[in-house]
Amino acid sequence: MSQHLNEKQSEPQIDLTSYSQKSVSTDGLLKAYQVGENDIVAAYNEKEAVKILCDYCGDMSEFDFDESDVAEQSFDLKLQNEDGTFLELLGDTMKDVDKPQYLFGWE
């Protein structure tokens, strides 16, 4: 019994088959982040997510984004158009993303 308690459990394996090879780097796996209330970006971490949004939108001096304004989004997030028609899951969008970038936003 004590032999089993001392054995180290193996780390869970991440299934990367749904991602392109380019979406994995030394920084980790690209993730989808919601920055603020209305924008989704692909980034390796929260700090980069804020930078991507600021670079995309230009002058963001009226906003004071920091990492607390960033939330990782589930790939199960349902994307819809303006009239509420389902388009696809965020994970489906992320399959084609191979670098950090702005993805979409809404008002």
N, C-alpha and C. Protein backbone atom coordinates (compact mmCIF):
# COMPACT_ATOMS: atom_id res chain seq x y z
N MET A 1 0.82 -1.19 0.00
CA MET A 1 0.00 0.00 0.00
C MET A 1 0.86 1.26 0.00
N SER A 2 1.88 1.33 0.86
CA SER A 2 2.71 2.53 0.92
C SER A 2 3.49 2.74 -0.37
N GLN A 3 3.75 1.69 -1.10
CA GLN A 3 4.44 1.83 -2.37
C GLN A 3 3.59 2.67 -3.34
N HIS A 4 2.30 2.47 -3.35
CA HIS A 4 1.42 3.23 -4.23
C HIS A 4 1.33 4.69 -3.82
N LEU A 5 1.40 4.99 -2.54
CA LEU A 5 1.31 6.36 -2.08
C LEU A 5 2.53 7.17 -2.46
N ASN A 6 3.68 6.52 -2.54
CA ASN A 6 4.90 7.22 -2.87
C ASN A 6 5.15 7.35 -4.37
N GLU A 7 4.38 6.63 -5.17
CA GLU A 7 4.57 6.71 -6.61
C GLU A 7 4.09 8.06 -7.11
N LYS A 8 4.85 8.64 -7.98
CA LYS A 8 4.50 9.93 -8.56
C LYS A 8 3.49 9.71 -9.68
N GLN A 9 2.40 10.46 -9.64
CA GLN A 9 1.41 10.34 -10.70
C GLN A 9 1.90 11.10 -11.92
N SER A 10 1.62 10.56 -13.09
CA SER A 10 2.06 11.21 -14.31
C SER A 10 1.23 12.45 -14.58
N GLU A 11 1.84 13.43 -15.23
CA GLU A 11 1.15 14.66 -15.62
C GLU A 11 0.11 14.34 -16.68
N PRO A 12 -1.05 14.99 -16.64
CA PRO A 12 -2.05 14.75 -17.69
C PRO A 12 -1.50 15.23 -19.04
N GLN A 13 -1.82 14.51 -20.07
CA GLN A 13 -1.38 14.86 -21.41
C GLN A 13 -2.40 15.76 -22.08
N ILE A 14 -1.93 16.79 -22.77
CA ILE A 14 -2.82 17.69 -23.49
C ILE A 14 -2.95 17.20 -24.92
N ASP A 15 -4.17 17.06 -25.38
CA ASP A 15 -4.42 16.63 -26.74
C ASP A 15 -4.32 17.83 -27.67
N LEU A 16 -3.29 17.88 -28.47
CA LEU A 16 -3.07 19.00 -29.37
C LEU A 16 -3.49 18.68 -30.80
N THR A 17 -4.19 17.61 -31.02
CA THR A 17 -4.52 17.20 -32.38
C THR A 17 -5.43 18.19 -33.08
N SER A 18 -6.19 19.00 -32.34
CA SER A 18 -7.09 19.94 -32.99
C SER A 18 -6.41 21.27 -33.32
N TYR A 19 -5.15 21.41 -32.98
CA TYR A 19 -4.43 22.64 -33.25
C TYR A 19 -3.40 22.42 -34.35
N SER A 20 -3.16 23.48 -35.10
CA SER A 20 -2.09 23.39 -36.09
C SER A 20 -0.76 23.39 -35.36
N GLN A 21 0.26 22.87 -35.98
CA GLN A 21 1.59 22.84 -35.37
C GLN A 21 2.07 24.25 -35.03
N LYS A 22 1.66 25.24 -35.80
CA LYS A 22 2.12 26.61 -35.58
C LYS A 22 1.54 27.23 -34.32
N SER A 23 0.45 26.69 -33.79
CA SER A 23 -0.18 27.31 -32.63
C SER A 23 0.50 26.93 -31.31
N VAL A 24 1.53 26.11 -31.37
CA VAL A 24 2.28 25.74 -30.18
C VAL A 24 3.68 26.33 -30.32
N SER A 25 4.12 27.06 -29.31
CA SER A 25 5.45 27.65 -29.35
C SER A 25 6.12 27.43 -28.00
N THR A 26 7.30 27.99 -27.85
CA THR A 26 7.98 27.88 -26.56
C THR A 26 7.22 28.64 -25.49
N ASP A 27 6.33 29.55 -25.89
CA ASP A 27 5.52 30.30 -24.94
C ASP A 27 4.32 29.49 -24.46
N GLY A 28 4.05 28.37 -25.11
CA GLY A 28 2.91 27.56 -24.72
C GLY A 28 1.90 27.45 -25.84
N LEU A 29 0.68 27.22 -25.47
CA LEU A 29 -0.41 27.03 -26.40
C LEU A 29 -1.20 28.33 -26.55
N LEU A 30 -1.54 28.69 -27.78
CA LEU A 30 -2.39 29.86 -27.97
C LEU A 30 -3.73 29.62 -27.29
N LYS A 31 -4.22 30.64 -26.62
CA LYS A 31 -5.50 30.57 -25.94
C LYS A 31 -6.34 31.75 -26.41
N ALA A 32 -7.63 31.62 -26.24
CA ALA A 32 -8.54 32.73 -26.55
C ALA A 32 -8.82 33.49 -25.26
N TYR A 33 -8.64 34.80 -25.31
CA TYR A 33 -8.89 35.65 -24.15
C TYR A 33 -9.89 36.73 -24.49
N GLN A 34 -10.83 36.97 -23.58
CA GLN A 34 -11.69 38.13 -23.71
C GLN A 34 -11.00 39.26 -22.96
N VAL A 35 -10.78 40.38 -23.67
CA VAL A 35 -10.14 41.55 -23.07
C VAL A 35 -11.21 42.62 -22.94
N GLY A 36 -11.42 43.08 -21.73
CA GLY A 36 -12.49 44.04 -21.49
C GLY A 36 -13.84 43.37 -21.69
N GLU A 37 -14.81 44.13 -22.15
CA GLU A 37 -16.16 43.60 -22.29
C GLU A 37 -16.47 43.06 -23.68
N ASN A 38 -15.73 43.49 -24.71
CA ASN A 38 -16.21 43.26 -26.07
C ASN A 38 -15.24 42.65 -27.07
N ASP A 39 -14.09 42.20 -26.66
CA ASP A 39 -13.11 41.75 -27.65
C ASP A 39 -12.49 40.41 -27.26
N ILE A 40 -12.26 39.58 -28.28
CA ILE A 40 -11.60 38.28 -28.11
C ILE A 40 -10.33 38.29 -28.93
N VAL A 41 -9.23 37.90 -28.32
CA VAL A 41 -7.94 37.81 -29.01
C VAL A 41 -7.33 36.44 -28.75
N ALA A 42 -6.43 36.04 -29.63
CA ALA A 42 -5.64 34.82 -29.44
C ALA A 42 -4.27 35.27 -28.95
N ALA A 43 -3.82 34.70 -27.83
CA ALA A 43 -2.54 35.09 -27.26
C ALA A 43 -2.00 33.93 -26.41
N TYR A 44 -0.73 34.06 -26.03
CA TYR A 44 -0.11 33.05 -25.18
C TYR A 44 -0.32 33.31 -23.69
N ASN A 45 -0.64 34.58 -23.34
CA ASN A 45 -0.87 34.92 -21.94
C ASN A 45 -1.68 36.22 -21.85
N GLU A 46 -2.09 36.59 -20.64
CA GLU A 46 -2.94 37.75 -20.43
C GLU A 46 -2.27 39.05 -20.84
N LYS A 47 -1.00 39.20 -20.50
CA LYS A 47 -0.29 40.44 -20.83
C LYS A 47 -0.23 40.64 -22.34
N GLU A 48 0.06 39.57 -23.07
CA GLU A 48 0.10 39.67 -24.53
C GLU A 48 -1.30 39.96 -25.09
N ALA A 49 -2.34 39.42 -24.47
CA ALA A 49 -3.71 39.67 -24.93
C ALA A 49 -4.03 41.16 -24.87
N VAL A 50 -3.65 41.83 -23.78
CA VAL A 50 -3.88 43.27 -23.66
C VAL A 50 -3.11 44.02 -24.73
N LYS A 51 -1.87 43.65 -24.97
CA LYS A 51 -1.04 44.31 -25.98
C LYS A 51 -1.64 44.15 -27.38
N ILE A 52 -2.12 42.96 -27.70
CA ILE A 52 -2.71 42.72 -29.02
C ILE A 52 -3.92 43.62 -29.23
N LEU A 53 -4.78 43.74 -28.22
CA LEU A 53 -5.95 44.60 -28.35
C LEU A 53 -5.53 46.05 -28.53
N CYS A 54 -4.59 46.51 -27.74
CA CYS A 54 -4.14 47.90 -27.85
C CYS A 54 -3.50 48.16 -29.20
N ASP A 55 -2.70 47.25 -29.71
CA ASP A 55 -2.09 47.40 -31.03
C ASP A 55 -3.16 47.42 -32.12
N TYR A 56 -4.18 46.60 -31.98
CA TYR A 56 -5.23 46.49 -33.00
C TYR A 56 -6.09 47.75 -33.03
N CYS A 57 -6.43 48.26 -31.86
CA CYS A 57 -7.36 49.39 -31.78
C CYS A 57 -6.70 50.75 -31.85
N GLY A 58 -5.40 50.81 -31.74
CA GLY A 58 -4.73 52.10 -31.76
C GLY A 58 -4.74 52.74 -30.38
N ASP A 59 -5.07 54.03 -30.34
CA ASP A 59 -5.03 54.79 -29.08
C ASP A 59 -6.08 54.26 -28.11
N MET A 60 -5.62 53.61 -27.08
CA MET A 60 -6.52 53.07 -26.05
C MET A 60 -6.27 53.78 -24.72
N SER A 61 -5.76 55.02 -24.77
CA SER A 61 -5.39 55.72 -23.54
C SER A 61 -6.58 55.98 -22.61
N GLU A 62 -7.79 56.01 -23.17
CA GLU A 62 -8.96 56.22 -22.31
C GLU A 62 -9.29 54.99 -21.48
N PHE A 63 -8.72 53.84 -21.86
CA PHE A 63 -8.95 52.59 -21.13
C PHE A 63 -7.70 52.24 -20.35
N ASP A 64 -7.87 51.68 -19.20
CA ASP A 64 -6.74 51.26 -18.38
C ASP A 64 -6.81 49.75 -18.20
N PHE A 65 -6.54 49.02 -19.29
CA PHE A 65 -6.59 47.56 -19.24
C PHE A 65 -5.40 47.02 -18.49
N ASP A 66 -5.64 46.03 -17.70
CA ASP A 66 -4.55 45.25 -17.13
C ASP A 66 -4.99 43.79 -17.15
N GLU A 67 -4.18 42.93 -16.60
CA GLU A 67 -4.47 41.50 -16.68
C GLU A 67 -5.76 41.11 -15.96
N SER A 68 -6.23 41.94 -15.04
CA SER A 68 -7.49 41.63 -14.36
C SER A 68 -8.70 41.84 -15.27
N ASP A 69 -8.50 42.55 -16.38
CA ASP A 69 -9.56 42.76 -17.36
C ASP A 69 -9.58 41.68 -18.43
N VAL A 70 -8.80 40.63 -18.23
CA VAL A 70 -8.64 39.58 -19.23
C VAL A 70 -9.14 38.26 -18.65
N ALA A 71 -9.94 37.55 -19.44
CA ALA A 71 -10.46 36.25 -19.00
C ALA A 71 -10.27 35.24 -20.12
N GLU A 72 -9.66 34.10 -19.78
CA GLU A 72 -9.53 33.03 -20.76
C GLU A 72 -10.93 32.51 -21.10
N GLN A 73 -11.18 32.31 -22.37
CA GLN A 73 -12.50 31.86 -22.82
C GLN A 73 -12.48 30.37 -23.14
N SER A 74 -13.58 29.73 -22.87
CA SER A 74 -13.74 28.32 -23.18
C SER A 74 -13.91 28.15 -24.68
N PHE A 75 -13.33 27.09 -25.20
CA PHE A 75 -13.49 26.81 -26.63
C PHE A 75 -14.91 26.38 -26.94
N ASP A 76 -15.74 26.19 -25.92
CA ASP A 76 -17.15 25.86 -26.12
C ASP A 76 -18.02 27.11 -26.31
N LEU A 77 -17.40 28.30 -26.24
CA LEU A 77 -18.14 29.54 -26.42
C LEU A 77 -18.79 29.55 -27.80
N LYS A 78 -20.10 29.78 -27.83
CA LYS A 78 -20.84 29.80 -29.10
C LYS A 78 -20.74 31.19 -29.72
N LEU A 79 -20.26 31.24 -30.94
CA LEU A 79 -20.16 32.50 -31.66
C LEU A 79 -21.42 32.69 -32.48
N GLN A 80 -21.97 33.90 -32.41
CA GLN A 80 -23.21 34.21 -33.11
C GLN A 80 -23.05 35.51 -33.88
N ASN A 81 -23.87 35.68 -34.92
CA ASN A 81 -23.87 36.95 -35.62
C ASN A 81 -24.81 37.91 -34.91
N GLU A 82 -25.03 39.10 -35.48
CA GLU A 82 -25.81 40.14 -34.82
C GLU A 82 -27.24 39.72 -34.51
N ASP A 83 -27.83 38.88 -35.37
CA ASP A 83 -29.22 38.47 -35.12
C ASP A 83 -29.34 37.22 -34.25
N GLY A 84 -28.22 36.75 -33.71
CA GLY A 84 -28.24 35.62 -32.80
C GLY A 84 -28.09 34.25 -33.45
N THR A 85 -27.88 34.22 -34.76
CA THR A 85 -27.71 32.96 -35.46
C THR A 85 -26.35 32.35 -35.11
N PHE A 86 -26.36 31.10 -34.69
CA PHE A 86 -25.13 30.40 -34.34
C PHE A 86 -24.22 30.30 -35.56
N LEU A 87 -22.92 30.64 -35.38
CA LEU A 87 -21.94 30.53 -36.45
C LEU A 87 -21.04 29.32 -36.26
N GLU A 88 -20.33 29.28 -35.14
CA GLU A 88 -19.46 28.16 -34.81
C GLU A 88 -18.98 28.31 -33.38
N LEU A 89 -18.28 27.32 -32.89
CA LEU A 89 -17.68 27.38 -31.56
C LEU A 89 -16.34 28.10 -31.64
N LEU A 90 -15.96 28.74 -30.57
CA LEU A 90 -14.67 29.43 -30.53
C LEU A 90 -13.53 28.46 -30.83
N GLY A 91 -13.65 27.22 -30.37
CA GLY A 91 -12.62 26.22 -30.64
C GLY A 91 -12.45 25.96 -32.13
N ASP A 92 -13.54 26.02 -32.88
CA ASP A 92 -13.45 25.84 -34.34
C ASP A 92 -12.66 27.00 -34.97
N THR A 93 -12.89 28.20 -34.48
CA THR A 93 -12.14 29.35 -34.95
C THR A 93 -10.66 29.20 -34.61
N MET A 94 -10.38 28.77 -33.38
CA MET A 94 -8.99 28.67 -32.92
C MET A 94 -8.19 27.61 -33.67
N LYS A 95 -8.84 26.63 -34.27
CA LYS A 95 -8.11 25.61 -35.03
C LYS A 95 -7.32 26.21 -36.17
N ASP A 96 -7.79 27.32 -36.72
CA ASP A 96 -7.15 27.95 -37.86
C ASP A 96 -6.19 29.08 -37.47
N VAL A 97 -6.10 29.37 -36.19
CA VAL A 97 -5.25 30.46 -35.71
C VAL A 97 -3.85 29.92 -35.45
N ASP A 98 -2.85 30.55 -36.08
CA ASP A 98 -1.48 30.06 -35.92
C ASP A 98 -0.53 31.08 -35.31
N LYS A 99 -1.07 32.24 -34.88
CA LYS A 99 -0.23 33.25 -34.24
C LYS A 99 -1.11 34.15 -33.38
N PRO A 100 -0.52 34.86 -32.43
CA PRO A 100 -1.29 35.79 -31.61
C PRO A 100 -1.93 36.85 -32.51
N GLN A 101 -3.22 37.14 -32.27
CA GLN A 101 -3.92 38.10 -33.12
C GLN A 101 -5.27 38.48 -32.54
N TYR A 102 -5.79 39.59 -33.04
CA TYR A 102 -7.16 39.99 -32.72
C TYR A 102 -8.09 39.06 -33.47
N LEU A 103 -9.14 38.57 -32.81
CA LEU A 103 -10.09 37.68 -33.46
C LEU A 103 -11.39 38.38 -33.82
N PHE A 104 -12.08 38.95 -32.83
CA PHE A 104 -13.34 39.64 -33.11
C PHE A 104 -13.80 40.40 -31.88
N GLY A 105 -14.81 41.22 -32.11
CA GLY A 105 -15.40 41.98 -31.02
C GLY A 105 -16.86 42.26 -31.33
N TRP A 106 -17.54 42.86 -30.37
CA TRP A 106 -18.95 43.21 -30.52
C TRP A 106 -19.23 44.43 -29.69
N GLU A 107 -20.38 45.04 -29.94
CA GLU A 107 -20.76 46.25 -29.16
C GLU A 107 -21.94 45.98 -28.31
